[in-house]
Each structure stands twice: as structure tokens, then as C-alpha cells.
Protein backbone atom coordinates (compact mmCIF):
# COMPACT_ATOMS: atom_id res chain seq x y z
CA MET A 1 -12.32 12.05 15.13
CA PRO A 2 -14.05 15.42 14.27
CA THR A 3 -17.90 14.87 13.24
CA ILE A 4 -17.01 17.52 10.44
CA LEU A 5 -14.47 15.92 9.11
CA VAL A 6 -16.82 11.99 8.96
CA ALA A 7 -19.58 14.06 7.36
CA LEU A 8 -16.92 16.08 4.83
CA CYS A 9 -15.96 12.65 3.87
CA LEU A 10 -19.21 11.12 3.45
CA LEU A 11 -20.13 13.72 1.11
CA PHE A 12 -17.03 13.72 -0.59
CA GLY A 13 -17.14 10.18 -1.31
CA LEU A 14 -20.72 10.52 -2.71
CA ALA A 15 -19.36 12.52 -5.06
CA ILE A 16 -16.50 11.46 -5.62
CA GLY A 17 -18.65 8.17 -6.05
CA SER A 18 -20.68 9.51 -8.77
CA PHE A 19 -17.71 10.48 -10.92
CA LEU A 20 -15.94 7.43 -10.59
CA ASN A 21 -19.12 5.59 -12.66
CA VAL A 22 -18.18 8.04 -15.59
CA VAL A 23 -14.50 7.17 -15.37
CA ILE A 24 -15.14 3.90 -15.14
CA TYR A 25 -17.74 3.55 -17.89
CA ARG A 26 -15.81 6.24 -20.04
CA VAL A 27 -12.09 5.56 -19.87
CA PRO A 28 -11.68 1.66 -21.16
CA ARG A 29 -13.91 3.34 -23.67
CA LYS A 30 -11.48 6.07 -24.58
CA GLU A 31 -13.98 8.69 -24.41
CA SER A 32 -13.45 12.15 -22.34
CA VAL A 33 -14.35 12.35 -18.46
CA VAL A 34 -15.13 15.92 -18.59
CA SER A 35 -17.45 16.13 -21.67
CA PRO A 36 -19.76 15.75 -23.24
CA ALA A 37 -22.30 15.91 -19.91
CA SER A 38 -23.36 13.10 -18.41
CA HIS A 39 -25.82 11.29 -20.44
CA CYS A 40 -27.87 7.86 -20.75
CA PRO A 41 -25.60 5.71 -22.66
CA ALA A 42 -29.24 3.90 -24.36
CA CYS A 43 -30.88 6.66 -25.53
CA GLY A 44 -28.56 9.70 -25.23
CA SER A 45 -30.48 11.64 -23.00
CA ARG A 46 -28.86 14.02 -21.11
CA ILE A 47 -28.99 13.87 -17.40
CA ARG A 48 -30.49 16.27 -15.66
CA ALA A 49 -29.15 17.83 -12.31
CA ARG A 50 -32.19 16.66 -10.32
CA ASP A 51 -31.12 13.24 -11.33
CA ASN A 52 -27.89 13.40 -10.85
CA ILE A 53 -27.73 13.50 -6.87
CA PRO A 54 -25.50 10.34 -5.85
CA VAL A 55 -27.84 7.02 -4.55
CA ILE A 56 -31.25 9.65 -4.12
CA SER A 57 -31.65 9.93 -7.93
CA TRP A 58 -31.28 6.40 -8.32
CA LEU A 59 -33.86 5.30 -5.61
CA ILE A 60 -36.18 7.95 -6.87
CA LEU A 61 -36.35 6.76 -10.42
CA ARG A 62 -36.23 3.00 -9.20
CA GLY A 63 -32.96 2.16 -10.84
CA ARG A 64 -34.59 3.69 -14.35
CA CYS A 65 -33.52 6.35 -17.06
CA ARG A 66 -36.22 8.86 -16.76
CA ASP A 67 -36.61 9.55 -20.68
CA CYS A 68 -36.26 5.69 -22.10
CA HIS A 69 -36.77 3.58 -18.94
CA VAL A 70 -33.91 1.69 -19.29
CA LEU A 71 -32.19 -0.36 -16.34
CA ILE A 72 -29.65 1.65 -14.97
CA PRO A 73 -27.11 -0.61 -13.29
CA LYS A 74 -27.22 -1.26 -9.49
CA ARG A 75 -23.25 -0.70 -9.81
CA TYR A 76 -23.98 3.40 -10.02
CA PRO A 77 -25.20 3.57 -6.01
CA LEU A 78 -23.39 0.83 -4.86
CA VAL A 79 -19.97 2.94 -6.23
CA GLU A 80 -21.22 5.68 -4.95
CA LEU A 81 -22.33 4.09 -1.37
CA GLY A 82 -18.91 1.90 -1.20
CA CYS A 83 -16.36 5.26 -2.02
CA ALA A 84 -18.58 7.47 0.54
CA ALA A 85 -18.08 4.28 3.02
CA LEU A 86 -14.47 3.51 2.56
CA PHE A 87 -13.69 7.25 2.93
CA VAL A 88 -15.39 7.52 5.83
CA ALA A 89 -13.56 4.56 6.95
CA THR A 90 -10.19 5.78 5.62
CA ALA A 91 -10.75 9.46 7.73
CA ILE A 92 -11.91 7.26 11.26
CA LYS A 93 -8.71 5.05 10.60
CA ILE A 94 -5.82 8.22 9.34
CA GLY A 95 -7.38 10.81 11.56
CA PRO A 96 -6.93 14.60 10.70
CA LYS A 97 -3.62 14.10 9.59
CA TRP A 98 -1.96 15.45 6.65
CA ASP A 99 -1.76 12.31 4.57
CA LEU A 100 -5.48 11.79 4.52
CA PRO A 101 -6.23 13.50 0.91
CA ALA A 102 -3.23 11.08 -0.25
CA GLN A 103 -4.98 7.73 1.14
CA LEU A 104 -8.54 9.16 -0.32
CA VAL A 105 -7.15 9.41 -3.77
CA LEU A 106 -5.77 5.77 -3.39
CA VAL A 107 -9.00 4.40 -2.49
CA ALA A 108 -10.95 6.01 -4.95
CA THR A 109 -8.43 5.22 -7.80
CA LEU A 110 -8.17 1.60 -6.33
CA ILE A 111 -11.93 1.69 -6.50
CA ALA A 112 -12.13 2.87 -10.05
CA LEU A 113 -9.33 0.20 -11.18
CA ALA A 114 -10.58 -2.80 -9.30
CA ILE A 115 -13.96 -2.74 -11.58
CA ILE A 116 -12.36 -1.65 -14.81
CA ASP A 117 -10.28 -4.63 -14.37
CA LEU A 118 -13.04 -6.99 -13.36
CA GLU A 119 -15.46 -5.78 -16.42
CA HIS A 120 -12.44 -5.56 -18.69
CA LEU A 121 -9.13 -6.88 -17.53
CA ILE A 122 -7.15 -3.50 -18.00
CA LEU A 123 -5.18 -0.79 -16.00
CA PRO A 124 -5.70 2.55 -18.05
CA LYS A 125 -2.56 4.40 -18.01
CA ARG A 126 -4.90 7.65 -17.79
CA ILE A 127 -5.61 6.60 -14.39
CA VAL A 128 -2.79 4.90 -13.22
CA TYR A 129 0.18 7.40 -14.01
CA PRO A 130 -2.13 10.98 -12.81
CA ALA A 131 -2.95 9.26 -9.44
CA THR A 132 0.32 8.13 -8.83
CA LEU A 133 1.43 11.57 -9.38
CA SER A 134 -1.34 12.77 -7.46
CA VAL A 135 -0.64 11.20 -4.22
CA PHE A 136 2.99 11.24 -4.59
CA VAL A 137 2.75 14.98 -4.86
CA LEU A 138 0.29 14.83 -1.59
CA LEU A 139 2.74 13.06 0.12
CA VAL A 140 4.99 15.11 -0.03
CA LEU A 141 2.99 18.39 0.63
CA ALA A 142 2.27 15.84 4.26
CA SER A 143 6.02 15.69 4.73
CA ALA A 144 6.69 19.26 4.59
CA ALA A 145 3.67 20.14 6.85
CA SER A 146 4.20 17.92 8.78
CA HIS A 147 7.91 17.98 8.44
CA ASP A 148 8.53 14.29 8.79
CA TRP A 149 10.68 13.31 5.66
CA GLU A 150 11.47 10.04 6.89
CA ARG A 151 7.98 8.65 6.02
CA LEU A 152 8.25 9.94 2.26
CA VAL A 153 11.71 8.22 2.13
CA VAL A 154 10.04 4.63 3.42
CA SER A 155 7.06 5.13 1.01
CA LEU A 156 9.21 5.58 -2.34
CA ILE A 157 11.83 2.94 -1.15
CA CYS A 158 8.42 0.64 -0.65
CA ALA A 159 6.88 2.14 -3.78
CA LEU A 160 10.75 0.79 -5.60
CA ALA A 161 10.58 -2.52 -4.05
CA TRP A 162 7.11 -2.98 -5.32
CA PHE A 163 7.58 -2.34 -8.87
CA LEU A 164 10.86 -4.01 -8.98
CA ILE A 165 9.14 -7.66 -7.37
CA PHE A 166 6.10 -6.85 -10.13
CA PHE A 167 8.44 -6.34 -12.56
CA ALA A 168 10.66 -9.67 -11.88
CA ILE A 169 7.23 -11.50 -11.96
CA ASN A 170 6.39 -9.93 -15.15
CA VAL A 171 9.35 -10.50 -16.83
CA MET A 172 9.25 -14.86 -15.29
CA SER A 173 5.62 -15.00 -16.48
CA PRO A 174 4.07 -12.53 -18.86
CA ARG A 175 0.63 -14.01 -18.45
CA ALA A 176 0.74 -14.32 -14.65
CA LEU A 177 0.94 -10.80 -14.22
CA GLY A 178 0.61 -7.84 -16.68
CA PHE A 179 2.39 -4.93 -16.94
CA GLY A 180 -0.50 -2.86 -15.86
CA ASP A 181 -0.29 -4.50 -12.43
CA VAL A 182 3.63 -3.72 -12.96
CA ARG A 183 2.53 0.40 -13.45
CA LEU A 184 0.48 0.24 -10.77
CA ALA A 185 2.62 -1.16 -8.41
CA PRO A 186 4.56 1.95 -7.09
CA LEU A 187 0.84 3.84 -6.17
CA LEU A 188 -0.06 1.10 -3.96
CA GLY A 189 3.87 0.98 -1.92
CA LEU A 190 3.95 4.89 -1.84
CA GLY A 191 0.44 4.85 -0.47
CA LEU A 192 1.33 1.56 1.86
CA GLY A 193 4.42 2.52 2.78
CA TRP A 194 3.87 5.87 4.17
CA LEU A 195 1.80 3.84 6.96
CA GLY A 196 5.00 1.63 7.40
CA ALA A 197 7.16 -0.31 5.85
CA LEU A 198 5.51 -3.64 7.18
CA TYR A 199 2.00 -2.46 6.12
CA ALA A 200 3.30 -2.55 2.68
CA VAL A 201 4.64 -6.30 3.23
CA ILE A 202 0.97 -6.86 4.73
CA GLY A 203 -0.40 -5.57 1.62
CA PHE A 204 1.48 -7.40 -1.00
CA PHE A 205 1.29 -10.85 0.84
CA ALA A 206 -2.87 -9.99 1.55
CA ALA A 207 -3.35 -9.43 -2.06
CA ASN A 208 -1.60 -12.48 -2.94
CA LEU A 209 -3.35 -14.93 -0.64
CA ILE A 210 -6.66 -13.82 -1.38
CA GLY A 211 -6.01 -13.91 -5.20
CA ALA A 212 -5.23 -17.26 -4.49
CA LEU A 213 -7.68 -18.58 -2.29
CA VAL A 214 -10.19 -17.13 -4.70
CA GLY A 215 -8.87 -18.44 -7.76
CA MET A 216 -8.60 -21.70 -6.32
CA ALA A 217 -12.31 -21.93 -5.17
CA LEU A 218 -12.84 -20.77 -9.04
CA LEU A 219 -10.99 -23.95 -10.58
CA ALA A 220 -12.62 -26.11 -8.27
CA THR A 221 -16.28 -24.95 -8.91
CA LYS A 222 -14.85 -25.14 -12.78
CA ARG A 223 -15.96 -21.43 -12.88
CA MET A 224 -12.49 -20.34 -14.35
CA GLN A 225 -10.15 -22.06 -17.05
CA ARG A 226 -6.28 -22.18 -15.99
CA SER A 227 -5.39 -20.12 -18.71
CA GLN A 228 -7.83 -17.42 -18.27
CA GLN A 229 -6.50 -14.30 -17.09
CA ILE A 230 -7.78 -12.89 -13.36
CA PRO A 231 -8.57 -9.25 -12.65
CA TYR A 232 -5.67 -8.96 -10.11
CA ALA A 233 -6.47 -5.41 -9.43
CA VAL A 234 -9.58 -6.41 -7.48
CA PHE A 235 -7.28 -8.51 -5.11
CA LEU A 236 -4.30 -5.95 -4.86
CA ALA A 237 -7.28 -3.38 -3.78
CA VAL A 238 -8.65 -5.69 -1.13
CA GLY A 239 -5.10 -6.53 0.13
CA VAL A 240 -4.35 -2.73 0.11
CA GLU A 241 -7.28 -1.98 2.13
CA VAL A 242 -6.64 -5.25 4.78
CA ALA A 243 -3.41 -3.77 5.26
CA VAL A 244 -4.68 -0.01 5.88
CA PHE A 245 -7.29 -1.31 8.49
CA GLY A 246 -6.02 -4.53 9.87
CA GLY A 247 -2.10 -3.67 9.45
CA SER A 248 -1.75 -2.96 13.05
CA LEU A 249 -3.33 -5.74 14.51
CA LEU A 250 -1.79 -7.95 11.80
CA GLN A 251 2.23 -6.82 11.89
CA HIS A 252 2.38 -7.84 15.38
CA PRO A 253 2.65 -11.66 14.70
CA LEU A 254 5.72 -10.55 12.44
CA HIS A 255 7.83 -8.24 14.45
CA ARG A 256 8.73 -12.17 15.96
CA TYR A 257 10.43 -12.72 12.59
CA LEU A 258 11.75 -9.40 11.77
């Protein structure tokens, strides 16, 4: 793995993580992510350039606004660090291949959607649709560059399969699975399907298994009621990453039954 690629993904991940913090805060509130410029939600003061450096500025300011001294949530540096770490890990896993940009877009999208779903129990179309289109276009370009159209066909089939399964679950039990998850399903199928059909299978079952285990634990400890909605996108995001990073190992037992 070229060191320069890892370094670029680290820096790019920090920058994208900073942008994701804007998306996570503004999109659920139906605000523009472009205008106005970054500002403190408490006092409205514009954030200076030197205070907008990912992670470093938060540490220098000791987690407080320079003007009104209100606490800046720890989520901000954690999202930046998490995005950078996942970008680097994805680059190491995928390597310098044509599909790497598509996989990085998928990672960034899942980070934003998982946190938004956790905080607001919604999956905004303003994020899902552009991300799905972006990943699709990037995978088409990757197919053209690598002359590998078979992967794209498998990817599209997996996207359709994920959509149909999620749509069927939503029709049978809308309370168990919201339509936002149905909209998200093709994006996950696209990303995992490019790696292989079994990756898409592993991602689906990993997300549901993890969700079921966490749900049972929350019910057992009475931290959640049966009628309560769960942020399913969190488990989908974890399931996708389990498939991406552990799929090559986990798919070996499946070959015995397929």
C-alpha cells in the first residue's frame, strides 16, 4: 500500500469528517450545508479559519467556543477522527483501485446517516439520493477504467435484491422497518455487491444479527420498550463495515452451503 495514499486518505478523511459534522447538524434542520458559513449554534459567531482545523482546533479551544465559551460536543472531533480512521482502513483494505472513491463515499454517507438516525430517527433523502447516485456513477467509471463490467452487473443485482427485501419487510411491517431504510438499501447493495455477492449477504445478516442482539440487550435491561423505534441505520452501517473488513474471512464457511 503506497504511503502517500494512506496519508492522503487520512487528511481527506479529517476534512470530510469536518464537513460531515455540518451535514449532521444542518440537514435534519433543513438548513443549507453551504450557507451561511460555519458558526457557533449558541452565539452565532462565525468560526474563524484557525478554529476550524479538524480535531486540533477542538483541542486548542479545550472543547469550547472561543466567543461564548459554550461546550462544543465531543462528537465533532470523534466524527473527524472516525472518518479519517475508516478512510485509512478502507484504503488499506481496497488498495489503490478504481473503486476506492466509491467505497469512501459509502463510508462517509454511512457515518452521517448513522448519527442522524441515532439522534433524530430519520434518514434524509437529501443525503441518501445524492450518495446513491454518486456511488453508482463512480462504480460505472471504475468499470470503464478497469474494463470489468461483470462487477457492476453483480453490484446492480445486489442493489435490487436489497431494495426488494427491504421493501417487502416494510410492506409487511412498516413499524419494524421505515421507508427511509428502504431508500438506503440500494446504496448498500451497490457498495457491497461490487466486492462480491457474498459480501452483500454477509452485510445483510451481520446488520440484522447485531441489531437483534443489541435490541434484546436493551429490552432485557429495560432501556428500551418494544414499541420504541430503533436507529436501524446504525446497525446497517456496522453490518456493512463488518462485511467490508471481515467478508473475506466470513465467507469461507458460507461456501459449504452455497
